[in-house]
Amino acid sequence: MPTAVPDHGALRCEEVIDPKQKGHNIVLHIICDNASISGIIFNGVFYASYGNIYSFMDINVTPFVKFGQKNEIVMLSGGKTTILKANLDFYDK
């Protein structure tokens, strides 16, 4: 980080989530430098953005996590932006 998105499009990554986290809620946080996040696709499930009015998205992805396997995360961008921070956080249920 930071990672630049030069134009409309998508950025993709894969993340393996430790099976020891199964008892937690898992939240994906993405923060950009402007309101260009168009949506997130997590393991094939689409999450719509907030209408391009915020520069962040917080998504509970717990029901769709494949523990101990690769999880695909795709951020869709409606324009030029820079991802300032992207992380998965674990919270007690």
Protein backbone atom coordinates (compact mmCIF):
# COMPACT_ATOMS: atom_id res chain seq x y z
CA MET A 1 0.00 0.00 0.00
CA PRO A 2 -0.69 2.54 -1.30
CA THR A 3 -1.73 1.06 -4.65
CA ALA A 4 -2.85 3.23 -7.57
CA VAL A 5 -5.80 2.41 -9.82
CA PRO A 6 -5.09 4.43 -12.97
CA ASP A 7 -8.61 4.31 -14.45
CA HIS A 8 -11.92 2.43 -14.35
CA GLY A 9 -11.35 -1.24 -13.64
CA ALA A 10 -10.60 -3.73 -10.92
CA LEU A 11 -7.81 -4.85 -8.65
CA ARG A 12 -7.69 -8.46 -7.51
CA CYS A 13 -5.86 -10.33 -4.77
CA GLU A 14 -6.08 -13.65 -2.97
CA GLU A 15 -5.82 -14.13 0.77
CA VAL A 16 -5.64 -17.34 2.83
CA ILE A 17 -7.47 -16.96 6.15
CA ASP A 18 -6.23 -19.12 9.01
CA PRO A 19 -8.79 -21.76 10.11
CA LYS A 20 -8.12 -20.65 13.72
CA GLN A 21 -10.21 -17.54 12.91
CA LYS A 22 -13.42 -19.60 12.37
CA GLY A 23 -14.96 -18.32 15.62
CA HIS A 24 -14.65 -14.67 14.61
CA ASN A 25 -16.52 -12.20 12.44
CA ILE A 26 -14.28 -11.17 9.57
CA VAL A 27 -14.56 -7.64 8.21
CA LEU A 28 -12.87 -6.33 5.08
CA HIS A 29 -11.88 -2.64 5.31
CA ILE A 30 -10.79 -0.68 2.23
CA ILE A 31 -9.86 3.02 2.30
CA CYS A 32 -9.13 5.08 -0.84
CA ASP A 33 -8.13 8.69 -1.41
CA ASN A 34 -11.49 9.53 -3.05
CA ALA A 35 -14.98 8.08 -3.60
CA SER A 36 -14.18 5.82 -6.56
CA ILE A 37 -15.00 2.42 -5.01
CA SER A 38 -17.79 0.97 -7.16
CA GLY A 39 -18.06 -2.30 -5.29
CA ILE A 40 -16.30 -5.33 -3.88
CA ILE A 41 -16.50 -8.95 -4.99
CA PHE A 42 -15.53 -11.43 -2.27
CA ASN A 43 -15.42 -15.06 -3.41
CA GLY A 44 -17.93 -14.29 -6.12
CA VAL A 45 -20.36 -12.34 -3.90
CA PHE A 46 -20.93 -8.74 -5.01
CA TYR A 47 -21.19 -5.94 -2.44
CA ALA A 48 -22.46 -2.64 -3.84
CA SER A 49 -20.73 0.56 -2.80
CA TYR A 50 -22.37 3.41 -0.94
CA GLY A 51 -23.11 5.26 -4.17
CA ASN A 52 -19.61 6.73 -4.62
CA ILE A 53 -20.06 9.19 -1.78
CA TYR A 54 -17.55 7.69 0.67
CA SER A 55 -13.88 6.84 0.29
CA PHE A 56 -14.15 3.57 2.24
CA MET A 57 -16.06 0.30 2.50
CA ASP A 58 -16.44 -1.94 5.55
CA ILE A 59 -17.90 -5.37 4.74
CA ASN A 60 -18.66 -8.37 6.94
CA VAL A 61 -17.49 -11.23 4.73
CA THR A 62 -17.73 -13.98 7.38
CA PRO A 63 -20.42 -16.11 5.65
CA PHE A 64 -18.34 -16.37 2.46
CA VAL A 65 -14.86 -17.06 3.87
CA LYS A 66 -13.11 -20.27 2.84
CA PHE A 67 -10.90 -20.95 5.85
CA GLY A 68 -7.47 -22.38 5.03
CA GLN A 69 -8.03 -21.78 1.30
CA LYS A 70 -7.49 -18.90 -1.10
CA ASN A 71 -10.18 -16.22 -0.89
CA GLU A 72 -10.55 -13.91 -3.89
CA ILE A 73 -11.03 -10.19 -3.24
CA VAL A 74 -11.78 -7.84 -6.13
CA MET A 75 -12.18 -4.07 -5.73
CA LEU A 76 -14.08 -2.38 -8.55
CA SER A 77 -13.19 1.23 -9.29
CA GLY A 78 -15.29 3.86 -11.03
CA GLY A 79 -12.27 6.01 -11.76
CA LYS A 80 -8.73 6.92 -10.83
CA THR A 81 -8.01 6.32 -7.14
CA THR A 82 -5.34 5.16 -4.71
CA ILE A 83 -6.00 2.42 -2.19
CA LEU A 84 -4.48 3.76 1.00
CA LYS A 85 -5.28 0.77 3.20
CA ALA A 86 -6.94 -2.62 2.81
CA ASN A 87 -7.12 -5.20 5.56
CA LEU A 88 -9.12 -8.01 7.10
CA ASP A 89 -9.98 -7.59 10.78
CA PHE A 90 -11.21 -10.27 13.15
CA TYR A 91 -13.84 -9.57 15.82
CA ASP A 92 -15.37 -11.77 18.49
CA LYS A 93 -18.86 -13.03 17.64
